[in-house]
Amino acid sequence: MKDHFDALIDHLLEGGLFLEEAVEILEKGMIDRVLDRTNGHQSEAARLLGIHRNTLLRKMMAHQIGGKRLRKPAGSATARPPMAKRLAS
């Protein structure tokens, strides 16, 4: 496995990718792949990735991964506007 990662690192460096871009590609790819393997089950995907489900959801939103798999957090549809907006009404 280490040999594969070493080759990947060489490939990314030769391609001129910055660290941030490489991390984004790896993170997005792993999240997408594990969601496919778990049929979109976020809790199971988070467990396999070793992260909290809320972290997975935040990363899915950041990488624009989702479609049917991306659910809004509970209560977001009924959330009240910030106090300043309520007072201005």
N, C-alpha and C. Protein backbone atom coordinates (compact mmCIF):
# COMPACT_ATOMS: atom_id res chain seq x y z
N MET A 1 0.83 -1.19 0.00
CA MET A 1 0.00 0.00 0.00
C MET A 1 0.87 1.25 0.00
N LYS A 2 1.96 1.23 0.80
CA LYS A 2 2.84 2.40 0.87
C LYS A 2 3.42 2.72 -0.50
N ASP A 3 3.75 1.70 -1.28
CA ASP A 3 4.30 1.92 -2.61
C ASP A 3 3.30 2.66 -3.50
N HIS A 4 2.02 2.31 -3.36
CA HIS A 4 0.98 2.99 -4.15
C HIS A 4 0.88 4.47 -3.77
N PHE A 5 0.94 4.75 -2.46
CA PHE A 5 0.88 6.14 -2.02
C PHE A 5 2.11 6.92 -2.45
N ASP A 6 3.28 6.28 -2.37
CA ASP A 6 4.50 6.95 -2.81
C ASP A 6 4.41 7.31 -4.29
N ALA A 7 3.89 6.40 -5.10
CA ALA A 7 3.74 6.67 -6.54
C ALA A 7 2.71 7.78 -6.77
N LEU A 8 1.65 7.76 -5.99
CA LEU A 8 0.63 8.81 -6.11
C LEU A 8 1.20 10.17 -5.75
N ILE A 9 1.98 10.23 -4.70
CA ILE A 9 2.60 11.48 -4.28
C ILE A 9 3.51 12.01 -5.39
N ASP A 10 4.33 11.13 -5.96
CA ASP A 10 5.20 11.55 -7.07
C ASP A 10 4.38 12.08 -8.24
N HIS A 11 3.28 11.39 -8.55
CA HIS A 11 2.41 11.79 -9.66
C HIS A 11 1.80 13.18 -9.41
N LEU A 12 1.34 13.41 -8.18
CA LEU A 12 0.73 14.69 -7.84
C LEU A 12 1.76 15.82 -7.89
N LEU A 13 2.95 15.56 -7.38
CA LEU A 13 4.00 16.58 -7.40
C LEU A 13 4.43 16.91 -8.83
N GLU A 14 4.55 15.89 -9.65
CA GLU A 14 4.93 16.11 -11.05
C GLU A 14 3.84 16.87 -11.80
N GLY A 15 2.59 16.70 -11.38
CA GLY A 15 1.47 17.40 -12.01
C GLY A 15 1.30 18.82 -11.53
N GLY A 16 2.10 19.22 -10.55
CA GLY A 16 2.04 20.59 -10.07
C GLY A 16 0.90 20.89 -9.12
N LEU A 17 0.32 19.87 -8.51
CA LEU A 17 -0.77 20.11 -7.57
C LEU A 17 -0.22 20.59 -6.24
N PHE A 18 -0.93 21.54 -5.66
CA PHE A 18 -0.60 22.00 -4.32
C PHE A 18 -1.19 21.03 -3.30
N LEU A 19 -0.65 21.06 -2.10
CA LEU A 19 -1.10 20.15 -1.05
C LEU A 19 -2.60 20.27 -0.82
N GLU A 20 -3.12 21.47 -0.76
CA GLU A 20 -4.56 21.68 -0.51
C GLU A 20 -5.41 21.01 -1.59
N GLU A 21 -4.98 21.11 -2.84
CA GLU A 21 -5.72 20.49 -3.94
C GLU A 21 -5.68 18.97 -3.83
N ALA A 22 -4.50 18.43 -3.49
CA ALA A 22 -4.34 16.99 -3.37
C ALA A 22 -5.21 16.44 -2.23
N VAL A 23 -5.23 17.14 -1.12
CA VAL A 23 -6.05 16.72 0.02
C VAL A 23 -7.52 16.75 -0.36
N GLU A 24 -7.94 17.78 -1.07
CA GLU A 24 -9.34 17.89 -1.48
C GLU A 24 -9.73 16.73 -2.40
N ILE A 25 -8.86 16.41 -3.34
CA ILE A 25 -9.14 15.29 -4.26
C ILE A 25 -9.28 13.99 -3.50
N LEU A 26 -8.35 13.72 -2.58
CA LEU A 26 -8.38 12.48 -1.81
C LEU A 26 -9.61 12.42 -0.92
N GLU A 27 -9.88 13.51 -0.20
CA GLU A 27 -11.02 13.54 0.72
C GLU A 27 -12.34 13.36 -0.03
N LYS A 28 -12.50 14.11 -1.12
CA LYS A 28 -13.74 14.01 -1.89
C LYS A 28 -13.91 12.61 -2.47
N GLY A 29 -12.83 12.05 -2.99
CA GLY A 29 -12.89 10.70 -3.56
C GLY A 29 -13.25 9.65 -2.53
N MET A 30 -12.63 9.74 -1.35
CA MET A 30 -12.93 8.75 -0.31
C MET A 30 -14.37 8.86 0.17
N ILE A 31 -14.84 10.08 0.36
CA ILE A 31 -16.22 10.27 0.83
C ILE A 31 -17.20 9.74 -0.21
N ASP A 32 -16.99 10.10 -1.46
CA ASP A 32 -17.88 9.65 -2.52
C ASP A 32 -17.88 8.12 -2.62
N ARG A 33 -16.72 7.52 -2.56
CA ARG A 33 -16.61 6.06 -2.69
C ARG A 33 -17.28 5.34 -1.53
N VAL A 34 -17.07 5.83 -0.30
CA VAL A 34 -17.66 5.14 0.85
C VAL A 34 -19.18 5.33 0.88
N LEU A 35 -19.67 6.47 0.40
CA LEU A 35 -21.12 6.66 0.31
C LEU A 35 -21.72 5.70 -0.71
N ASP A 36 -21.01 5.46 -1.80
CA ASP A 36 -21.48 4.47 -2.78
C ASP A 36 -21.54 3.09 -2.16
N ARG A 37 -20.49 2.74 -1.42
CA ARG A 37 -20.42 1.40 -0.79
C ARG A 37 -21.49 1.20 0.26
N THR A 38 -21.91 2.28 0.92
CA THR A 38 -22.91 2.17 1.98
C THR A 38 -24.30 2.55 1.48
N ASN A 39 -24.46 2.67 0.16
CA ASN A 39 -25.74 3.06 -0.44
C ASN A 39 -26.26 4.37 0.13
N GLY A 40 -25.35 5.31 0.41
CA GLY A 40 -25.73 6.63 0.89
C GLY A 40 -26.02 6.71 2.38
N HIS A 41 -25.78 5.65 3.12
CA HIS A 41 -26.05 5.64 4.56
C HIS A 41 -24.95 6.44 5.27
N GLN A 42 -25.28 7.65 5.67
CA GLN A 42 -24.28 8.57 6.20
C GLN A 42 -23.64 8.10 7.50
N SER A 43 -24.41 7.54 8.41
CA SER A 43 -23.85 7.10 9.68
C SER A 43 -22.83 5.98 9.46
N GLU A 44 -23.17 5.05 8.59
CA GLU A 44 -22.25 3.95 8.29
C GLU A 44 -21.01 4.48 7.56
N ALA A 45 -21.20 5.40 6.62
CA ALA A 45 -20.08 5.99 5.89
C ALA A 45 -19.14 6.71 6.85
N ALA A 46 -19.70 7.48 7.77
CA ALA A 46 -18.89 8.20 8.75
C ALA A 46 -18.10 7.23 9.61
N ARG A 47 -18.73 6.14 10.02
CA ARG A 47 -18.04 5.13 10.83
C ARG A 47 -16.86 4.54 10.06
N LEU A 48 -17.06 4.21 8.79
CA LEU A 48 -15.98 3.63 7.99
C LEU A 48 -14.85 4.63 7.76
N LEU A 49 -15.19 5.91 7.70
CA LEU A 49 -14.16 6.95 7.51
C LEU A 49 -13.49 7.36 8.82
N GLY A 50 -14.09 6.96 9.93
CA GLY A 50 -13.52 7.30 11.23
C GLY A 50 -13.78 8.74 11.64
N ILE A 51 -14.91 9.29 11.17
CA ILE A 51 -15.27 10.67 11.52
C ILE A 51 -16.72 10.69 12.03
N HIS A 52 -17.09 11.76 12.69
CA HIS A 52 -18.46 11.93 13.17
C HIS A 52 -19.38 12.20 11.99
N ARG A 53 -20.63 11.79 12.11
CA ARG A 53 -21.59 11.99 11.02
C ARG A 53 -21.77 13.47 10.68
N ASN A 54 -21.74 14.34 11.68
CA ASN A 54 -21.86 15.78 11.41
C ASN A 54 -20.67 16.29 10.60
N THR A 55 -19.48 15.75 10.89
CA THR A 55 -18.30 16.12 10.13
C THR A 55 -18.44 15.66 8.69
N LEU A 56 -18.96 14.45 8.50
CA LEU A 56 -19.18 13.94 7.15
C LEU A 56 -20.15 14.85 6.40
N LEU A 57 -21.23 15.23 7.02
CA LEU A 57 -22.22 16.10 6.39
C LEU A 57 -21.60 17.43 6.00
N ARG A 58 -20.80 18.01 6.89
CA ARG A 58 -20.14 19.29 6.60
C ARG A 58 -19.18 19.15 5.42
N LYS A 59 -18.44 18.04 5.37
CA LYS A 59 -17.52 17.82 4.27
C LYS A 59 -18.27 17.55 2.96
N MET A 60 -19.40 16.86 3.04
CA MET A 60 -20.21 16.63 1.85
C MET A 60 -20.70 17.96 1.28
N MET A 61 -21.11 18.86 2.15
CA MET A 61 -21.59 20.16 1.70
C MET A 61 -20.43 20.97 1.10
N ALA A 62 -19.27 20.91 1.74
CA ALA A 62 -18.11 21.66 1.26
C ALA A 62 -17.65 21.18 -0.11
N HIS A 63 -17.72 19.86 -0.33
CA HIS A 63 -17.28 19.28 -1.61
C HIS A 63 -18.43 19.14 -2.60
N GLN A 64 -19.61 19.60 -2.21
CA GLN A 64 -20.80 19.51 -3.06
C GLN A 64 -21.07 18.06 -3.48
N ILE A 65 -20.97 17.16 -2.51
CA ILE A 65 -21.28 15.75 -2.72
C ILE A 65 -22.67 15.55 -2.15
N GLY A 66 -23.53 14.91 -2.88
CA GLY A 66 -24.82 14.68 -2.25
C GLY A 66 -25.91 14.27 -3.17
N GLY A 67 -26.59 15.24 -3.71
CA GLY A 67 -27.80 14.90 -4.44
C GLY A 67 -28.80 14.33 -3.46
N LYS A 68 -29.26 13.11 -3.71
CA LYS A 68 -30.23 12.46 -2.83
C LYS A 68 -29.60 12.09 -1.49
N ARG A 69 -28.26 11.96 -1.47
CA ARG A 69 -27.60 11.53 -0.24
C ARG A 69 -27.46 12.65 0.77
N LEU A 70 -27.58 13.89 0.34
CA LEU A 70 -27.35 15.02 1.22
C LEU A 70 -28.67 15.47 1.83
N ARG A 71 -28.79 15.28 3.13
CA ARG A 71 -29.99 15.71 3.83
C ARG A 71 -29.66 16.95 4.65
N LYS A 72 -30.63 17.84 4.76
CA LYS A 72 -30.45 19.00 5.62
C LYS A 72 -30.55 18.53 7.06
N PRO A 73 -29.79 19.16 7.96
CA PRO A 73 -29.88 18.79 9.37
C PRO A 73 -31.30 18.97 9.89
N ALA A 74 -31.69 18.13 10.83
CA ALA A 74 -33.03 18.19 11.40
C ALA A 74 -33.30 19.58 11.96
N GLY A 75 -34.48 20.09 11.67
CA GLY A 75 -34.88 21.38 12.20
C GLY A 75 -34.46 22.56 11.36
N SER A 76 -33.68 22.33 10.30
CA SER A 76 -33.19 23.48 9.53
C SER A 76 -34.31 24.14 8.74
N ALA A 77 -35.33 23.41 8.37
CA ALA A 77 -36.43 23.99 7.58
C ALA A 77 -37.28 24.91 8.44
N THR A 78 -37.30 24.68 9.74
CA THR A 78 -38.13 25.48 10.62
C THR A 78 -37.30 26.42 11.48
N ALA A 79 -36.02 26.56 11.17
CA ALA A 79 -35.16 27.41 11.97
C ALA A 79 -35.64 28.86 11.91
N ARG A 80 -35.56 29.55 13.04
CA ARG A 80 -35.98 30.94 13.10
C ARG A 80 -34.87 31.83 12.56
N PRO A 81 -35.23 32.94 11.93
CA PRO A 81 -34.20 33.86 11.44
C PRO A 81 -33.44 34.49 12.60
N PRO A 82 -32.26 35.03 12.35
CA PRO A 82 -31.50 35.68 13.43
C PRO A 82 -32.32 36.79 14.08
N MET A 83 -31.98 37.09 15.32
CA MET A 83 -32.73 38.07 16.12
C MET A 83 -32.83 39.42 15.40
N ALA A 84 -31.76 39.89 14.75
CA ALA A 84 -31.77 41.19 14.09
C ALA A 84 -32.84 41.24 13.00
N LYS A 85 -32.99 40.16 12.27
CA LYS A 85 -34.00 40.12 11.20
C LYS A 85 -35.41 40.10 11.79
N ARG A 86 -35.59 39.40 12.92
CA ARG A 86 -36.91 39.35 13.54
C ARG A 86 -37.31 40.73 14.07
N LEU A 87 -36.34 41.42 14.64
CA LEU A 87 -36.64 42.74 15.20
C LEU A 87 -36.93 43.76 14.11
N ALA A 88 -36.30 43.61 12.95
CA ALA A 88 -36.50 44.55 11.85
C ALA A 88 -37.84 44.35 11.17
N SER A 89 -38.47 43.22 11.37
CA SER A 89 -39.74 42.93 10.70
C SER A 89 -40.89 43.71 11.28
